[in-house]
Amino acid sequence: MVSSFERGVPPAMQSHEPFDERLTMTPEERLTSLGLTLPAPLPPRANYIAYRRVGDLIFLAGHGPRLPDNTYRVGRIGSADQIAGAYADAQLTGLNMLATLKEALGELHRVRAVVKLLGMVNAEPTFTEHFKVIDGCSALLVDVFGEAGRHARSAVGMGSLPNGMTVEVEAIFQVS
C-alpha cells in the first residue's frame, strides 16, 4: 500500500483522524471513563435464565431498569417531556445487561459484536418516539464497544411491561 507521503502529499495536508484513547481501553475502562459502573448482576425473578449461549452467540433475556434493591423504575411513557428520564432508564437497563454479560463471559472484551436489540417501551398508545427512549441503551453499547457496539434494533411500544417497568430490552451478542 502506498502512503500519502509516498504519493507526494505533504504531511501537513494528509488527513489524520484524531487519536481516540478509548480505542485502546477495555470495555470496563471505557465504562469508568464515562463515570459509569456495572451493577451486581441480579438473578431472574421468574422461571427463565438470564442468558443462553449457542455457539458464538449469547442471547440475553429481557432486562429492565432494575435497581440494586431489586425494584424497578416504573411508569408509562406518554409525552416528550418524559423521554429524558426513560432514556436514562434504558441506559440503566443496558448496564444491567452488561453486568449479566460480564457474569456470563468473565470479561467484556470477549464481545465481538452487538448483533440485535429488541427495545420495548411501556407507552401510552399516542406515544410514538420509542426510538428516542431505546437510544439510551444503544448509545451506551456504542460508547462501551465502539464500532462493534453498533447493532440492528427494533424499538416498540407496549401496553404494559412486567412489574410496571418503563423499558425492557433483550439482546443478541456475538462473542469469542
Foldseek 3Di string as FASTA:
>chain_A
DADPVNVPDDPVPDDDDDDDCLVVDALQVLCVVVVHDADAADADPDPDGQWDDDPQKIKGDKFWLADPVRAAAADADEDPVCQVVLLVRLLSRLSNNVNVVCVVVVGPNQFQAFEEKEKEFCYDPVDDPQVSNNVSNLVSQCSSPPPRSDYHYHGYYDPADPNRHGMIMITMTGGD
